[in-house]
C-alpha cells in the first residue's frame, strides 16, 4: 500500500473566528482614553460586535469574493437604451450593507461619533478596503452639504442613516443614501482650479446644467455626487443626483471603469456630463471653501484605512510566526524575526494612536482642536499612508513564499497598500498643504506644539526631536524643497509624543530609539537588540 505524501505540517491555523477589535490592544486602549465613561461601555460592546463580525470566516469570505468578482459596467440595456449601471457581486452589497448598519456614515449625529466611527472604520477596513470608499465619501459629504442648510436638511438624514438601500430611485423615496464625488479631471489632477467642466445656470434658482468630463469619479453607483465645475463666478461645488425627483435618470454617462492595481472590489469611473442637472452647494466661486472640510474628512479616512491595513498585515505576520517553526523553534522566538515583528508592530501602533487622536479632535470641535487638525491631518496623511506599503511588503515576507500566494491574503494587502497615499492628494500635495498652514495659520503650529509639548520631559530623545523640529521651522529659506523632510518629522514627533504618554514603556522606548533617536536602520527589523522586543510582539498578537 502506497504511503500518503500529502501530510500537511508546520502550518498556522487560519486567523478566523476572533474579535478583530478586542484583540487589538492599541486600538482598544485608544478608544478608552478618548471616550468618556458615559459612552465607553456601549462603544466597546458595539465595536467588539463588529470585531467578531469582521473576524468571522463568512465575512472574510465575502471580502475574497468581492475581489475575485470585481464590478462590471453595463452601459446599455438589451434594447439599446443607455442605463450606465455598475453591477456588483452580492458579497459587495453584503459588505457595504454591514458597513452602513455599523454606523460608518453616521459620525456627525451622535456623541463621540468620530472616535467610535474611526475605530469601526479601522476594523472594517481589515475585511475589505474597497467598500471603505463609498462609506468614506458619504461620511465626508456631510460637512460640505452643511454649507447650504436647505441641502443639509434634505440629504443629511439619508447620508447618516444606518439603512443600506441599493436601488437606483429618487433619493426622496429612500431611507438611506450613499454619496460619491468627482473632482479631478485629466488635464488638472490635484490642481482642481484647472477644472474645465462648465456649469450653466438654469431657470430655477440654484440649479445648473453641467457639461464636462471627470477623470476620476468615486463610487459611481451612488445616489448623489459632489463635483466641482466652473460657474460664471468661478469654481463652484455642485450636488449631482443620480436619479431625478420624477424618477428619470440624470445624464451621468459612465465611459469606463478604471482597471486599478488594488481596490479591485470598488468601482472608480470616468464620467461625462452633458447638460447634467445639478444643485449648487455654497456660493458661486467658493467651491474649494465648500469642500475643504470634506477633503479633511476623507484624508483622515486615508489615515484610518492605512492604519487598518497595517494592523491586518502585522496581525497576519505575528500569527504566522507564532505557529511556524524553523531551525529548532518558533519563528516568533528567533531574535532576528522578533526584531522584524516588533518593528512592524511599532509602526502599526503609532499609526493607530495618531489616527484615533485626530478623530478625537473632531469630536472635541473646539478652536484649539480645529487648529491642531489643520496641521496634523495633512502631516498624518502624508506619513502614515506612505509607511503602509513597505510595512505590507515586509509583513508578506514574514510568511515567506506563502505570503506571495493569493490564498494568504497578503498580496491583496500589498496591492491595496499604496492607494491611500495617492487618493485625496498625493505626498507632495500634503506637504505643500502643511506649508500653507505654517505660513497662513500660526495658530495651527501653536496647537501642534501644545500637543507634543504635553510629553516634554518624559523622554530625552523626544525632547531632542522637538528641539530639532523648532530649528527646522525657524529657517524658512528654501522650505518647499525640504517640505517632505519637515512633514515627516512633524508626524514622527507627534506619534512619539502620543506613545510616550499612552503606550507601554517598551513600545515608547523602542519608538523613540528607532524613529527619533536615530538608533534604527532604513529597513524594518533594525531595532536596537537591547530593547524589550518580546513584549512588543506579544502585544501585537491577534489571538492568545
Protein backbone atom coordinates (compact mmCIF):
# COMPACT_ATOMS: atom_id res chain seq x y z
CA UNK A 1 0.00 0.00 0.00
CA UNK A 2 1.45 3.36 -1.05
CA UNK A 3 2.21 5.83 1.69
CA UNK A 4 0.50 9.19 1.62
CA UNK A 5 2.88 12.05 0.92
CA UNK A 6 0.33 14.80 1.45
CA UNK A 7 0.56 15.29 5.18
CA UNK A 8 0.41 18.99 5.98
CA UNK A 9 2.52 20.06 8.94
CA UNK A 10 4.07 23.22 10.33
CA UNK A 11 1.31 25.49 9.03
CA UNK A 12 -0.55 28.01 11.22
CA UNK A 13 -4.32 27.70 11.65
CA UNK A 14 -6.43 30.25 9.75
CA UNK A 15 -6.77 33.58 11.53
CA UNK A 16 -10.56 33.43 11.77
CA UNK A 17 -13.19 33.33 14.49
CA UNK A 18 -11.69 36.08 16.61
CA UNK A 19 -12.58 39.64 17.64
CA UNK A 20 -10.60 41.94 15.34
CA UNK A 21 -11.27 44.88 17.63
CA UNK A 22 -10.92 43.25 21.04
CA UNK A 23 -7.59 41.61 20.20
CA UNK A 24 -6.09 44.92 19.02
CA UNK A 25 -4.77 46.23 22.32
CA UNK A 26 -3.53 49.53 20.92
CA UNK A 27 -6.93 50.30 19.40
CA UNK A 28 -8.93 49.28 22.47
CA UNK A 29 -6.75 51.50 24.66
CA UNK A 30 -7.06 54.44 22.26
CA UNK A 31 -10.85 54.20 22.31
CA UNK A 32 -10.75 54.03 26.11
CA UNK A 33 -8.75 57.21 26.51
CA UNK A 34 -10.74 59.26 24.00
CA UNK A 35 -14.29 58.37 25.07
CA UNK A 36 -15.91 59.43 28.31
CA UNK A 37 -17.16 56.82 30.80
CA UNK A 38 -20.75 57.53 29.80
CA UNK A 39 -20.05 56.29 26.27
CA UNK A 40 -17.31 53.75 26.79
CA UNK A 41 -19.17 50.57 27.76
CA UNK A 42 -21.71 50.90 24.94
CA UNK A 43 -18.98 51.74 22.42
CA UNK A 44 -16.76 48.83 23.42
CA UNK A 45 -19.71 46.48 23.12
CA UNK A 46 -20.67 47.66 19.63
CA UNK A 47 -17.05 47.66 18.46
CA UNK A 48 -16.49 44.14 19.75
CA UNK A 49 -19.62 43.03 17.93
CA UNK A 50 -18.22 44.49 14.72
CA UNK A 51 -14.83 42.96 15.53
CA UNK A 52 -16.36 39.50 15.84
CA UNK A 53 -18.23 40.01 12.59
CA UNK A 54 -15.03 41.14 10.89
CA UNK A 55 -13.12 38.13 12.18
CA UNK A 56 -15.71 35.57 11.11
CA UNK A 57 -14.94 33.13 8.31
CA UNK A 58 -18.11 34.10 6.46
CA UNK A 59 -17.40 37.83 6.31
CA UNK A 60 -13.78 37.27 5.37
CA UNK A 61 -15.02 35.10 2.51
CA UNK A 62 -17.22 37.99 1.37
CA UNK A 63 -14.10 40.10 1.05
CA UNK A 64 -12.39 37.44 -1.06
CA UNK A 65 -15.40 37.05 -3.34
CA UNK A 66 -15.87 40.79 -3.80
CA UNK A 67 -12.30 40.97 -5.11
CA UNK A 68 -12.49 37.84 -7.22
CA UNK A 69 -15.63 39.21 -8.90
CA UNK A 70 -14.96 42.93 -9.45
CA UNK A 71 -17.69 45.35 -10.60
CA UNK A 72 -18.80 45.39 -14.22
CA UNK A 73 -20.06 48.33 -16.23
CA UNK A 74 -23.32 47.95 -18.15
CA UNK A 75 -23.77 51.00 -20.36
CA UNK A 76 -26.91 49.86 -22.26
CA UNK A 77 -29.84 47.56 -21.72
CA UNK A 78 -30.85 44.82 -24.17
CA UNK A 79 -32.85 47.28 -26.25
CA UNK A 80 -30.02 49.76 -26.69
CA UNK A 81 -31.16 52.27 -24.07
CA UNK A 82 -28.39 53.95 -22.11
CA UNK A 83 -28.53 52.85 -18.45
CA UNK A 84 -24.96 53.41 -17.13
CA UNK A 85 -25.18 50.95 -14.28
CA UNK A 86 -22.45 49.21 -12.31
CA UNK A 87 -23.09 45.62 -11.31
CA UNK A 88 -21.51 44.18 -8.17
CA UNK A 89 -21.18 40.71 -6.73
CA UNK A 90 -23.66 40.02 -3.89
CA UNK A 91 -20.75 39.92 -1.43
CA UNK A 92 -20.03 43.58 -2.17
CA UNK A 93 -23.56 44.54 -1.23
CA UNK A 94 -23.37 42.45 1.95
CA UNK A 95 -20.14 44.18 2.97
CA UNK A 96 -21.43 47.65 2.19
CA UNK A 97 -24.69 46.95 4.00
CA UNK A 98 -22.80 45.84 7.11
CA UNK A 99 -20.63 48.95 6.97
CA UNK A 100 -23.64 51.25 6.77
CA UNK A 101 -25.51 49.46 9.54
CA UNK A 102 -22.39 49.65 11.74
CA UNK A 103 -22.59 53.46 11.66
CA UNK A 104 -19.67 54.16 9.35
CA UNK A 105 -21.57 57.08 7.80
CA UNK A 106 -23.19 58.43 10.97
CA UNK A 107 -20.36 60.01 12.96
CA UNK A 108 -21.78 63.52 12.72
CA UNK A 109 -25.01 62.71 14.52
CA UNK A 110 -24.03 61.03 17.80
CA UNK A 111 -21.83 61.74 20.85
CA UNK A 112 -18.26 60.57 20.45
CA UNK A 113 -19.23 59.69 16.92
CA UNK A 114 -15.88 60.33 15.27
CA UNK A 115 -13.84 58.18 17.66
CA UNK A 116 -16.41 55.40 17.52
CA UNK A 117 -16.56 55.55 13.74
CA UNK A 118 -12.77 55.79 13.41
CA UNK A 119 -12.27 52.61 15.41
CA UNK A 120 -15.01 50.85 13.44
CA UNK A 121 -13.58 52.05 10.11
CA UNK A 122 -10.13 50.79 11.10
CA UNK A 123 -11.61 47.39 11.98
CA UNK A 124 -13.86 47.10 8.92
CA UNK A 125 -11.06 48.06 6.52
CA UNK A 126 -9.29 44.86 7.55
CA UNK A 127 -12.06 42.77 5.98
CA UNK A 128 -12.07 44.53 2.63
CA UNK A 129 -10.81 48.03 1.93
CA UNK A 130 -12.79 48.60 -1.26
CA UNK A 131 -16.15 49.24 0.38
CA UNK A 132 -14.48 51.88 2.52
CA UNK A 133 -14.58 54.29 -0.44
CA UNK A 134 -18.37 54.86 -0.61
CA UNK A 135 -18.56 54.79 3.19
CA UNK A 136 -15.89 57.47 3.37
CA UNK A 137 -17.38 59.63 0.61
CA UNK A 138 -20.82 59.50 2.21
CA UNK A 139 -19.43 60.39 5.63
CA UNK A 140 -17.32 63.24 4.26
CA UNK A 141 -20.13 64.79 2.21
CA UNK A 142 -21.97 65.93 5.34
CA UNK A 143 -19.79 68.96 6.23
CA UNK A 144 -19.82 70.11 2.60
CA UNK A 145 -23.62 69.96 2.45
CA UNK A 146 -23.84 71.91 5.70
CA UNK A 147 -22.63 74.97 3.84
CA UNK A 148 -26.19 75.02 2.47
CA UNK A 149 -28.68 74.46 5.35
CA UNK A 150 -31.54 73.57 2.99
CA UNK A 151 -29.50 70.87 1.26
CA UNK A 152 -28.22 69.56 4.58
CA UNK A 153 -31.76 69.30 5.97
CA UNK A 154 -32.78 67.30 2.91
CA UNK A 155 -29.81 65.00 2.49
CA UNK A 156 -28.07 64.60 5.86
CA UNK A 157 -30.69 62.24 7.38
CA UNK A 158 -30.25 59.94 4.37
CA UNK A 159 -26.46 60.01 4.46
CA UNK A 160 -26.22 59.34 8.20
CA UNK A 161 -28.83 56.58 8.07
CA UNK A 162 -27.91 53.03 9.05
CA UNK A 163 -30.11 51.64 6.27
CA UNK A 164 -28.45 50.46 3.06
CA UNK A 165 -30.76 50.84 0.06
CA UNK A 166 -29.01 49.76 -3.16
CA UNK A 167 -31.85 50.58 -5.58
CA UNK A 168 -31.45 53.42 -8.07
CA UNK A 169 -34.55 55.53 -7.46
CA UNK A 170 -35.30 59.08 -6.31
CA UNK A 171 -33.47 59.78 -3.08
CA UNK A 172 -36.64 61.22 -1.51
CA UNK A 173 -38.08 57.68 -1.58
CA UNK A 174 -35.08 56.07 0.14
CA UNK A 175 -34.38 55.50 3.83
CA UNK A 176 -30.65 55.74 3.23
CA UNK A 177 -28.37 57.11 0.53
CA UNK A 178 -24.70 56.99 -0.48
CA UNK A 179 -22.52 59.70 -1.98
CA UNK A 180 -19.60 59.68 -4.37
CA UNK A 181 -17.55 62.54 -5.72
CA UNK A 182 -15.92 63.74 -8.91
CA UNK A 183 -13.30 66.43 -8.51
CA UNK A 184 -10.31 65.61 -10.71
CA UNK A 185 -10.06 65.99 -14.45
CA UNK A 186 -7.46 64.59 -16.84
CA UNK A 187 -5.88 67.97 -17.51
CA UNK A 188 -5.67 69.05 -13.87
CA UNK A 189 -5.25 66.19 -11.41
CA UNK A 190 -4.90 67.63 -7.92
CA UNK A 191 -5.00 71.16 -9.30
CA UNK A 192 -8.79 71.36 -9.16
CA UNK A 193 -8.78 75.06 -10.02
CA UNK A 194 -7.80 73.99 -13.55
CA UNK A 195 -11.10 72.13 -13.96
CA UNK A 196 -12.91 72.87 -17.21
CA UNK A 197 -16.33 71.30 -16.54
CA UNK A 198 -18.80 74.13 -17.22
CA UNK A 199 -21.89 74.97 -15.14
CA UNK A 200 -24.66 76.90 -16.91
CA UNK A 201 -27.35 78.45 -14.68
CA UNK A 202 -30.88 77.18 -15.29
CA UNK A 203 -34.17 78.97 -14.76
CA UNK A 204 -34.73 77.60 -11.25
CA UNK A 205 -32.57 79.41 -8.69
CA UNK A 206 -29.57 77.39 -7.57
CA UNK A 207 -29.82 74.83 -10.40
CA UNK A 208 -27.36 74.36 -13.25
CA UNK A 209 -26.61 72.22 -16.26
CA UNK A 210 -23.12 70.69 -16.19
CA UNK A 211 -21.05 69.79 -19.23
CA UNK A 212 -17.64 68.17 -18.97
CA UNK A 213 -15.55 65.14 -18.13
CA UNK A 214 -14.39 63.75 -14.78
CA UNK A 215 -11.27 61.60 -14.93
CA UNK A 216 -11.91 60.00 -11.53
CA UNK A 217 -15.40 59.59 -10.12
CA UNK A 218 -15.51 57.60 -6.91
CA UNK A 219 -18.35 55.16 -6.22
CA UNK A 220 -20.34 55.77 -9.45
CA UNK A 221 -23.27 53.64 -8.25
CA UNK A 222 -24.10 56.21 -5.53
CA UNK A 223 -27.29 58.25 -5.13
CA UNK A 224 -25.56 61.61 -5.37
CA UNK A 225 -22.19 63.17 -6.10
CA UNK A 226 -20.30 66.26 -5.10
CA UNK A 227 -18.49 67.71 -8.11
CA UNK A 228 -16.57 70.86 -8.98
CA UNK A 229 -17.33 72.90 -12.08
CA UNK A 230 -16.74 76.40 -13.44
CA UNK A 231 -19.81 78.62 -12.88
CA UNK A 232 -19.99 82.24 -14.10
CA UNK A 233 -18.35 83.44 -10.86
CA UNK A 234 -15.68 80.74 -10.79
CA UNK A 235 -15.06 77.26 -9.42
CA UNK A 236 -18.15 76.06 -7.56
CA UNK A 237 -19.31 72.92 -5.78
CA UNK A 238 -22.43 71.10 -7.01
CA UNK A 239 -24.63 68.21 -5.96
CA UNK A 240 -25.45 65.87 -8.85
CA UNK A 241 -28.26 63.39 -8.07
CA UNK A 242 -28.10 60.06 -9.88
CA UNK A 243 -31.89 59.88 -10.23
CA UNK A 244 -34.11 62.96 -10.53
CA UNK A 245 -37.21 63.52 -8.43
CA UNK A 246 -39.51 62.45 -11.27
CA UNK A 247 -37.80 59.06 -11.42
CA UNK A 248 -35.83 59.70 -14.61
CA UNK A 249 -32.08 59.10 -14.76
CA UNK A 250 -29.89 62.17 -14.66
CA UNK A 251 -27.39 62.43 -17.51
CA UNK A 252 -24.48 60.57 -15.95
CA UNK A 253 -22.54 58.81 -18.68
CA UNK A 254 -20.07 56.25 -17.36
CA UNK A 255 -17.38 55.90 -20.01
CA UNK A 256 -15.35 53.18 -18.36
CA UNK A 257 -14.30 51.71 -15.02
CA UNK A 258 -10.65 52.08 -14.03
CA UNK A 259 -8.52 48.94 -14.05
CA UNK A 260 -6.67 49.56 -10.78
CA UNK A 261 -3.66 47.97 -9.12
CA UNK A 262 -5.67 47.22 -5.98
CA UNK A 263 -9.03 48.23 -4.55
CA UNK A 264 -10.47 45.83 -7.09
CA UNK A 265 -13.87 45.37 -5.47
CA UNK A 266 -14.63 49.09 -5.68
CA UNK A 267 -15.68 50.90 -8.84
CA UNK A 268 -13.86 54.05 -9.92
CA UNK A 269 -15.03 55.58 -13.17
CA UNK A 270 -14.61 58.17 -15.87
CA UNK A 271 -17.89 60.01 -16.39
CA UNK A 272 -19.27 62.56 -18.82
CA UNK A 273 -21.76 65.31 -18.02
CA UNK A 274 -23.87 66.60 -20.90
CA UNK A 275 -26.42 69.08 -19.62
CA UNK A 276 -26.47 67.15 -16.33
CA UNK A 277 -28.81 68.65 -13.76
CA UNK A 278 -27.14 69.87 -10.57
CA UNK A 279 -27.78 71.98 -7.49
CA UNK A 280 -25.24 74.47 -6.25
CA UNK A 281 -23.61 73.80 -2.87
CA UNK A 282 -22.45 77.03 -1.24
CA UNK A 283 -21.72 80.22 -3.10
CA UNK A 284 -20.54 80.55 -6.69
CA UNK A 285 -16.80 80.84 -6.93
CA UNK A 286 -16.30 79.34 -3.46
CA UNK A 287 -16.02 75.70 -4.49
CA UNK A 288 -12.76 74.97 -2.70
CA UNK A 289 -14.01 76.54 0.50
CA UNK A 290 -17.22 74.50 0.25
CA UNK A 291 -15.33 71.19 0.07
CA UNK A 292 -12.41 71.93 2.40
CA UNK A 293 -13.94 70.14 5.40
CA UNK A 294 -14.93 67.23 3.17
CA UNK A 295 -11.35 66.91 1.95
CA UNK A 296 -10.04 66.89 5.53
CA UNK A 297 -12.53 64.15 6.49
CA UNK A 298 -11.52 61.93 3.57
CA UNK A 299 -7.86 62.48 4.34
CA UNK A 300 -8.44 61.28 7.88
CA UNK A 301 -10.10 58.20 6.41
CA UNK A 302 -6.96 57.62 4.34
CA UNK A 303 -5.01 57.58 7.61
CA UNK A 304 -7.54 55.24 9.19
CA UNK A 305 -7.61 52.99 6.15
CA UNK A 306 -3.83 52.68 6.10
CA UNK A 307 -3.76 52.05 9.86
CA UNK A 308 -6.28 49.26 9.35
CA UNK A 309 -4.29 47.67 6.55
CA UNK A 310 -1.12 47.90 8.63
CA UNK A 311 -2.79 46.27 11.62
CA UNK A 312 -4.12 43.40 9.50
CA UNK A 313 -0.69 42.85 7.90
CA UNK A 314 1.00 42.81 11.32
CA UNK A 315 -1.66 40.51 12.76
CA UNK A 316 -1.17 38.03 9.92
CA UNK A 317 2.62 38.16 10.25
CA UNK A 318 2.67 37.72 14.03
CA UNK A 319 0.04 34.97 13.85
CA UNK A 320 2.02 33.06 11.23
CA UNK A 321 5.32 33.36 13.06
CA UNK A 322 3.75 32.36 16.38
CA UNK A 323 2.94 28.92 14.94
CA UNK A 324 5.55 28.37 12.23
CA UNK A 325 8.68 26.52 13.33
CA UNK A 326 12.13 26.70 11.76
CA UNK A 327 15.67 25.94 12.88
CA UNK A 328 14.50 24.29 16.07
CA UNK A 329 11.91 26.71 17.39
CA UNK A 330 9.07 29.10 16.70
CA UNK A 331 9.86 31.84 14.21
CA UNK A 332 8.49 34.48 16.59
CA UNK A 333 11.09 33.45 19.18
CA UNK A 334 14.05 33.83 16.83
CA UNK A 335 15.87 37.08 17.67
CA UNK A 336 16.02 38.37 14.11
CA UNK A 337 12.38 37.61 13.26
CA UNK A 338 11.31 39.02 16.62
CA UNK A 339 13.08 42.24 15.70
CA UNK A 340 11.18 42.43 12.41
CA UNK A 341 7.82 41.73 14.02
CA UNK A 342 8.42 44.24 16.79
CA UNK A 343 9.41 46.92 14.29
CA UNK A 344 6.26 46.29 12.25
CA UNK A 345 4.15 46.36 15.41
CA UNK A 346 5.66 49.72 16.41
CA UNK A 347 4.69 51.23 13.07
CA UNK A 348 1.17 49.89 13.33
CA UNK A 349 0.59 51.08 16.89
CA UNK A 350 1.95 54.54 16.12
CA UNK A 351 -0.43 54.83 13.17
CA UNK A 352 -3.40 53.73 15.28
CA UNK A 353 -2.62 56.11 18.12
CA UNK A 354 -2.29 59.05 15.73
CA UNK A 355 -5.45 58.23 13.76
CA UNK A 356 -7.62 58.00 16.88
CA UNK A 357 -6.14 61.21 18.27
CA UNK A 358 -7.24 63.02 15.11
CA UNK A 359 -10.73 61.55 15.38
CA UNK A 360 -10.95 62.74 18.99
CA UNK A 361 -10.09 66.27 17.85
CA UNK A 362 -13.11 66.15 15.52
CA UNK A 363 -15.35 65.16 18.42
CA UNK A 364 -13.99 67.99 20.58
CA UNK A 365 -14.67 70.60 17.89
CA UNK A 366 -13.06 73.44 19.85
CA UNK A 367 -10.99 76.19 18.26
CA UNK A 368 -7.70 74.73 19.55
CA UNK A 369 -8.51 71.29 18.19
CA UNK A 370 -9.61 72.65 14.82
CA UNK A 371 -6.29 74.47 14.53
CA UNK A 372 -4.45 71.27 15.51
CA UNK A 373 -6.25 69.32 12.77
CA UNK A 374 -5.28 71.88 10.15
CA UNK A 375 -1.64 70.86 10.50
CA UNK A 376 -1.90 67.34 11.88
CA UNK A 377 -4.26 65.87 9.26
CA UNK A 378 -2.09 66.51 6.17
CA UNK A 379 1.05 65.56 8.11
CA UNK A 380 -0.51 62.29 9.24
CA UNK A 381 -1.96 61.63 5.81
CA UNK A 382 1.48 62.14 4.27
CA UNK A 383 3.40 59.91 6.66
CA UNK A 384 1.06 57.10 7.73
CA UNK A 385 -0.11 56.33 4.20
CA UNK A 386 3.49 56.24 2.96
CA UNK A 387 4.52 53.77 5.64
CA UNK A 388 1.74 51.37 4.71
CA UNK A 389 3.29 49.93 1.53
CA UNK A 390 6.74 48.98 2.90
CA UNK A 391 5.10 47.54 6.01
CA UNK A 392 2.73 45.36 3.95
CA UNK A 393 5.60 44.07 1.81
CA UNK A 394 7.71 43.24 4.88
CA UNK A 395 4.75 41.52 6.56
CA UNK A 396 4.26 39.37 3.46
CA UNK A 397 7.94 38.44 3.60
CA UNK A 398 7.44 37.17 7.15
CA UNK A 399 5.27 34.43 5.62
CA UNK A 400 7.99 33.58 3.13
CA UNK A 401 6.73 32.09 -0.12
CA UNK A 402 3.29 31.65 1.44
CA UNK A 403 2.98 35.42 1.64
CA UNK A 404 3.38 35.67 -2.12
CA UNK A 405 0.43 33.35 -2.74
CA UNK A 406 -3.06 34.80 -3.11
CA UNK A 407 -4.60 32.35 -0.63
CA UNK A 408 -2.69 34.01 2.21
CA UNK A 409 -4.47 37.34 1.69
CA UNK A 410 -1.19 39.27 1.87
CA UNK A 411 -0.98 40.03 -1.87
CA UNK A 412 -4.34 41.82 -1.63
CA UNK A 413 -2.97 43.94 1.24
CA UNK A 414 0.19 44.69 -0.74
CA UNK A 415 -1.81 45.84 -3.78
CA UNK A 416 -4.04 47.97 -1.61
CA UNK A 417 -1.23 49.50 0.44
CA UNK A 418 -0.16 52.40 -1.88
CA UNK A 419 -3.71 53.60 -2.51
CA UNK A 420 -4.32 55.92 0.42
CA UNK A 421 -1.08 57.74 -0.30
CA UNK A 422 -2.40 58.61 -3.77
CA UNK A 423 -6.07 59.35 -3.05
CA UNK A 424 -7.15 62.75 -1.74
CA UNK A 425 -3.86 64.35 -2.71
CA UNK A 426 -0.54 62.53 -3.06
CA UNK A 427 2.53 63.17 -0.92
CA UNK A 428 3.63 66.48 -2.40
CA UNK A 429 0.10 67.88 -2.13
CA UNK A 430 0.02 67.04 1.58
CA UNK A 431 3.46 68.53 2.16
CA UNK A 432 2.50 71.76 0.42
CA UNK A 433 -0.71 71.90 2.42
CA UNK A 434 1.34 71.74 5.62
CA UNK A 435 3.48 74.62 4.37
CA UNK A 436 0.36 76.68 3.66
CA UNK A 437 -0.87 76.08 7.19
CA UNK A 438 2.51 77.10 8.64
CA UNK A 439 2.58 80.31 6.62
CA UNK A 440 -1.03 81.41 6.91
CA UNK A 441 -2.32 79.98 10.17
CA UNK A 442 0.13 80.42 13.06
CA UNK A 443 -2.48 79.07 15.45
CA UNK A 444 -2.11 75.67 13.76
CA UNK A 445 1.57 75.41 14.70
CA UNK A 446 0.81 76.68 18.20
CA UNK A 447 -1.82 73.96 18.64
CA UNK A 448 0.57 71.30 17.35
CA UNK A 449 3.37 72.41 19.66
CA UNK A 450 0.98 72.48 22.59
CA UNK A 451 0.00 68.88 21.83
CA UNK A 452 3.53 67.49 21.54
CA UNK A 453 4.63 69.63 24.47
CA UNK A 454 2.44 67.58 26.77
CA UNK A 455 5.07 64.82 26.60
CA UNK A 456 8.11 67.03 27.16
CA UNK A 457 10.49 65.77 29.79
CA UNK A 458 9.31 62.17 29.53
CA UNK A 459 11.95 61.01 27.03
CA UNK A 460 15.22 62.74 26.15
CA UNK A 461 15.07 61.60 22.53
CA UNK A 462 11.62 63.09 22.08
CA UNK A 463 12.80 66.33 23.70
CA UNK A 464 15.74 66.48 21.29
CA UNK A 465 13.46 65.80 18.33
CA UNK A 466 11.13 68.63 19.34
CA UNK A 467 14.11 70.97 19.65
CA UNK A 468 15.39 69.92 16.24
CA UNK A 469 11.95 70.45 14.74
CA UNK A 470 11.84 74.00 16.10
CA UNK A 471 15.21 74.65 14.50
CA UNK A 472 13.87 73.40 11.15
CA UNK A 473 10.82 75.64 11.46
CA UNK A 474 12.95 78.68 12.24
CA UNK A 475 14.64 78.50 8.83
CA UNK A 476 12.04 79.00 6.10
CA UNK A 477 14.52 79.62 3.27
CA UNK A 478 14.04 77.02 0.58
CA UNK A 479 11.47 75.25 2.73
CA UNK A 480 9.48 73.83 -0.19
CA UNK A 481 12.41 71.71 -1.38
CA UNK A 482 12.69 70.14 2.08
CA UNK A 483 8.98 70.05 2.85
CA UNK A 484 8.79 66.25 2.84
CA UNK A 485 11.57 66.02 5.40
CA UNK A 486 9.83 68.58 7.59
CA UNK A 487 6.41 66.91 7.38
CA UNK A 488 7.93 63.52 8.16
CA UNK A 489 9.45 64.96 11.33
CA UNK A 490 6.17 66.64 12.29
CA UNK A 491 4.39 63.29 12.05
CA UNK A 492 7.09 61.29 13.84
CA UNK A 493 7.33 63.75 16.73
CA UNK A 494 3.56 63.72 17.10
CA UNK A 495 3.47 59.91 17.08
CA UNK A 496 6.33 59.80 19.57
CA UNK A 497 4.58 62.20 21.94
CA UNK A 498 1.43 60.06 21.90
CA UNK A 499 3.29 56.81 22.52
CA UNK A 500 5.38 58.32 25.33
CA UNK A 501 2.21 59.47 27.05
CA UNK A 502 -0.02 56.47 26.47
CA UNK A 503 1.77 53.33 25.23
CA UNK A 504 3.55 50.74 27.41
CA UNK A 505 7.15 51.74 28.22
CA UNK A 506 8.59 49.07 25.91
CA UNK A 507 6.69 50.46 22.93
CA UNK A 508 7.50 54.11 23.66
CA UNK A 509 11.16 53.33 24.33
CA UNK A 510 11.57 51.40 21.08
CA UNK A 511 9.79 54.03 19.00
CA UNK A 512 11.82 56.90 20.39
CA UNK A 513 15.08 54.98 19.98
CA UNK A 514 14.47 53.96 16.38
CA UNK A 515 12.30 56.75 14.96
CA UNK A 516 13.52 59.79 16.88
CA UNK A 517 16.90 58.85 18.33
CA UNK A 518 18.45 57.52 15.12
CA UNK A 519 19.14 54.07 16.61
CA UNK A 520 17.43 52.16 13.81
CA UNK A 521 18.07 51.38 10.17
CA UNK A 522 16.21 52.13 6.96
CA UNK A 523 14.63 48.65 6.78
CA UNK A 524 12.26 47.01 9.26
CA UNK A 525 13.95 44.67 11.73
CA UNK A 526 16.79 47.01 12.67
CA UNK A 527 15.73 47.94 16.20
CA UNK A 528 18.38 48.01 18.95
CA UNK A 529 18.68 44.44 20.26
CA UNK A 530 18.71 45.63 23.86
CA UNK A 531 15.05 46.66 23.79
CA UNK A 532 12.19 44.60 25.17
CA UNK A 533 11.10 43.29 21.77
CA UNK A 534 9.32 40.19 23.06
CA UNK A 535 6.67 42.22 24.90
CA UNK A 536 6.09 44.39 21.81
CA UNK A 537 5.46 41.31 19.67
CA UNK A 538 3.22 39.73 22.30
CA UNK A 539 1.16 42.93 22.50
CA UNK A 540 0.56 42.74 18.74
CA UNK A 541 -0.65 39.12 18.70
CA UNK A 542 -4.21 38.90 17.36
CA UNK A 543 -5.11 35.79 19.40
CA UNK A 544 -3.74 34.43 22.65
